[in-house]
Amino acid sequence: MTAGSRRDLDAFLLDITPGSAGDTSQHEVFQALCKVHVETISWYLAEKRRKAFAAKFLRGVSIVFLTAGSMIPLFAPIYQSVSPYWGYILLGVAAAAQLVDRHFGFTKAWSRCVASAMEVNSNLLKMQARWWVPQDPPKESQSDLLTLYADNLGAIISSETAGWVDEMAKVAQDLEGQLGRRIHGESHR
């Protein structure tokens, strides 16, 4: 399964075939770790495309309906068959499109996917540079280097996931607060 066809970021298994002696060379581990990085970047970019489409669509709907809603009152006196109140309805649709984007976080998710893909790519490039350019004296062994960059990749994904969870909790809390105010406000009347 390719990264672009996955619906979720799956657990990764390093695709390593042991050598003839039963051991795996560090270079094979390095190549497998590079592949995991590339698959992760591909996943984030595929997600970015979906989020970008939804965000741009909602933004376009909002712009069109905002423009039309603000123009209706100007043309209502000229075209008396059009009620100026339609402007309010169109403005409401424009606002609803923005609320859907805010609630489901398409624009934020789009930005987060781009940022995460760039961070994973940066991690990959640093790993490759440190792997292929020998340091004199060596700061760490190659196995330590591989462990460091595998841990970095895990930290990037964990950080992005934690940010997403926090954002979802904040949206849910905001929604609860708004509903609570409306319910309590109506019950006190």
Protein backbone atom coordinates (compact mmCIF):
# COMPACT_ATOMS: atom_id res chain seq x y z
CA MET A 1 0.00 0.00 0.00
CA THR A 2 1.42 3.36 -0.96
CA ALA A 3 1.37 6.33 1.38
CA GLY A 4 -0.92 8.29 -0.93
CA SER A 5 -3.59 5.59 -0.81
CA ARG A 6 -3.69 5.26 2.98
CA ARG A 7 -6.55 6.94 4.78
CA ASP A 8 -4.60 7.27 8.02
CA LEU A 9 -0.98 7.43 9.09
CA ASP A 10 -0.27 3.77 9.82
CA ALA A 11 2.40 2.22 11.97
CA PHE A 12 5.59 1.70 10.02
CA LEU A 13 7.60 -1.46 9.78
CA LEU A 14 11.10 -0.97 8.49
CA ASP A 15 11.23 -2.94 5.24
CA ILE A 16 14.50 -4.75 5.84
CA THR A 17 15.56 -8.12 4.48
CA PRO A 18 18.38 -9.62 6.53
CA GLY A 19 21.65 -10.18 4.71
CA SER A 20 22.99 -13.62 3.84
CA ALA A 21 24.60 -14.02 7.26
CA GLY A 22 21.28 -13.20 9.00
CA ASP A 23 22.37 -9.73 9.98
CA THR A 24 21.25 -6.45 8.52
CA SER A 25 23.72 -3.81 7.51
CA GLN A 26 23.38 -0.32 8.86
CA HIS A 27 23.07 0.91 5.28
CA GLU A 28 19.95 -1.25 4.81
CA VAL A 29 18.45 0.23 7.97
CA PHE A 30 19.35 3.71 6.70
CA GLN A 31 17.59 3.04 3.37
CA ALA A 32 14.52 1.65 5.15
CA LEU A 33 14.38 4.70 7.44
CA CYS A 34 14.64 7.00 4.40
CA LYS A 35 11.71 5.13 2.86
CA VAL A 36 9.64 5.63 6.02
CA HIS A 37 10.39 9.35 5.91
CA VAL A 38 9.35 9.56 2.25
CA GLU A 39 6.12 7.63 2.92
CA THR A 40 5.31 9.94 5.83
CA ILE A 41 5.91 13.02 3.68
CA SER A 42 3.69 11.52 0.96
CA TRP A 43 0.94 10.88 3.49
CA TYR A 44 1.03 14.47 4.77
CA LEU A 45 1.00 15.84 1.23
CA ALA A 46 -1.98 13.64 0.28
CA GLU A 47 -3.82 14.86 3.38
CA LYS A 48 -2.84 18.42 2.49
CA ARG A 49 -4.50 18.08 -0.90
CA ARG A 50 -7.79 16.92 0.65
CA LYS A 51 -7.76 19.63 3.31
CA ALA A 52 -6.76 22.30 0.79
CA PHE A 53 -9.65 21.36 -1.50
CA ALA A 54 -12.19 21.60 1.33
CA ALA A 55 -10.70 24.86 2.66
CA LYS A 56 -10.59 26.51 -0.77
CA PHE A 57 -14.11 25.33 -1.60
CA LEU A 58 -15.53 26.74 1.64
CA ARG A 59 -13.57 29.96 1.21
CA GLY A 60 -14.90 30.31 -2.36
CA VAL A 61 -18.48 29.67 -1.23
CA SER A 62 -18.05 32.27 1.47
CA ILE A 63 -16.65 34.88 -0.93
CA VAL A 64 -19.34 34.32 -3.56
CA PHE A 65 -22.21 34.45 -1.07
CA LEU A 66 -20.71 37.39 0.83
CA THR A 67 -20.39 39.35 -2.41
CA ALA A 68 -23.87 38.42 -3.60
CA GLY A 69 -25.39 39.07 -0.18
CA SER A 70 -23.89 42.52 0.02
CA MET A 71 -24.94 43.39 -3.54
CA ILE A 72 -28.61 42.32 -3.20
CA PRO A 73 -29.67 45.39 -1.15
CA LEU A 74 -28.05 47.65 -3.75
CA PHE A 75 -29.96 46.09 -6.64
CA ALA A 76 -33.26 45.47 -4.83
CA PRO A 77 -34.64 48.96 -5.57
CA ILE A 78 -33.79 48.55 -9.26
CA TYR A 79 -35.15 44.99 -9.57
CA GLN A 80 -38.24 45.16 -7.41
CA SER A 81 -38.90 41.43 -7.78
CA VAL A 82 -35.86 40.76 -5.55
CA SER A 83 -36.37 41.28 -1.85
CA PRO A 84 -33.47 42.95 -0.02
CA TYR A 85 -33.91 40.34 2.72
CA TRP A 86 -32.31 37.77 0.43
CA GLY A 87 -29.05 39.56 1.17
CA TYR A 88 -29.28 38.45 4.79
CA ILE A 89 -29.81 34.85 3.76
CA LEU A 90 -26.81 34.93 1.44
CA LEU A 91 -24.66 36.55 4.14
CA GLY A 92 -25.80 33.80 6.49
CA VAL A 93 -24.67 31.14 4.02
CA ALA A 94 -21.29 32.88 3.73
CA ALA A 95 -20.93 32.91 7.50
CA ALA A 96 -22.02 29.26 7.71
CA ALA A 97 -19.28 28.26 5.24
CA GLN A 98 -16.69 29.96 7.46
CA LEU A 99 -18.11 28.28 10.56
CA VAL A 100 -17.92 24.87 8.89
CA ASP A 101 -14.27 25.53 8.04
CA ARG A 102 -13.57 26.71 11.58
CA HIS A 103 -15.39 23.81 13.22
CA PHE A 104 -13.84 21.09 11.06
CA GLY A 105 -10.51 22.91 10.83
CA PHE A 106 -9.83 22.43 7.13
CA THR A 107 -7.65 25.53 6.75
CA LYS A 108 -5.70 24.82 9.94
CA ALA A 109 -5.27 21.16 9.01
CA TRP A 110 -4.02 22.19 5.57
CA SER A 111 -1.37 24.40 7.17
CA ARG A 112 -0.43 21.72 9.69
CA CYS A 113 0.02 19.10 6.96
CA VAL A 114 2.33 21.40 5.02
CA ALA A 115 4.34 22.26 8.14
CA SER A 116 4.62 18.61 9.18
CA ALA A 117 5.68 17.47 5.70
CA MET A 118 8.35 20.18 5.65
CA GLU A 119 9.58 19.19 9.11
CA VAL A 120 9.78 15.49 8.19
CA ASN A 121 11.58 16.43 4.96
CA SER A 122 14.04 18.55 6.93
CA ASN A 123 14.67 15.62 9.28
CA LEU A 124 15.29 13.35 6.28
CA LEU A 125 17.73 15.78 4.66
CA LYS A 126 19.67 16.24 7.91
CA MET A 127 19.84 12.47 8.38
CA GLN A 128 21.09 11.95 4.82
CA ALA A 129 23.67 14.72 5.15
CA ARG A 130 25.02 13.36 8.41
CA TRP A 131 25.05 9.82 7.02
CA TRP A 132 26.95 10.59 3.82
CA VAL A 133 29.28 13.34 5.06
CA PRO A 134 31.78 11.83 7.49
CA GLN A 135 32.64 13.87 10.55
CA ASP A 136 36.14 13.94 11.95
CA PRO A 137 36.08 12.95 14.73
CA PRO A 138 32.71 11.11 14.55
CA LYS A 139 30.21 12.52 17.03
CA GLU A 140 28.16 9.33 17.18
CA SER A 141 28.06 5.89 15.67
CA GLN A 142 25.92 5.24 12.63
CA SER A 143 23.49 3.18 14.69
CA ASP A 144 23.14 6.08 17.16
CA LEU A 145 22.52 8.38 14.20
CA LEU A 146 19.76 6.11 12.85
CA THR A 147 18.16 5.89 16.29
CA LEU A 148 18.30 9.68 16.68
CA TYR A 149 16.52 10.34 13.37
CA ALA A 150 13.96 7.58 13.91
CA ASP A 151 13.19 9.17 17.28
CA ASN A 152 13.02 12.61 15.65
CA LEU A 153 10.47 11.31 13.13
CA GLY A 154 8.37 9.84 15.94
CA ALA A 155 8.57 13.12 17.86
CA ILE A 156 7.42 15.12 14.81
CA ILE A 157 4.40 12.88 14.32
CA SER A 158 3.61 12.84 18.05
CA SER A 159 3.84 16.62 18.29
CA GLU A 160 1.57 17.13 15.28
CA THR A 161 -0.93 14.60 16.64
CA ALA A 162 -0.92 16.23 20.07
CA GLY A 163 -1.54 19.61 18.44
CA TRP A 164 -4.46 18.15 16.50
CA VAL A 165 -5.95 16.60 19.66
CA ASP A 166 -5.60 19.91 21.54
CA GLU A 167 -7.23 21.78 18.68
CA MET A 168 -10.15 19.33 18.53
CA ALA A 169 -10.63 19.61 22.31
CA LYS A 170 -10.62 23.42 22.07
CA VAL A 171 -13.21 23.39 19.27
CA ALA A 172 -15.40 20.99 21.28
CA GLN A 173 -15.01 23.14 24.39
CA ASP A 174 -15.91 26.31 22.47
CA LEU A 175 -18.97 24.60 21.02
CA GLU A 176 -20.04 23.34 24.46
CA GLY A 177 -19.58 26.83 25.88
CA GLN A 178 -21.67 28.41 23.14
CA LEU A 179 -24.42 25.82 23.50
CA GLY A 180 -24.32 26.14 27.28
CA ARG A 181 -24.74 29.91 27.12
CA ARG A 182 -27.69 29.57 24.76
CA ILE A 183 -29.38 26.89 26.87
CA HIS A 184 -28.80 28.72 30.16
CA GLY A 185 -29.70 32.05 28.61
CA GLU A 186 -33.04 30.70 27.38
CA SER A 187 -33.84 28.94 30.65
CA HIS A 188 -33.46 32.17 32.65
CA ARG A 189 -36.02 34.03 30.58
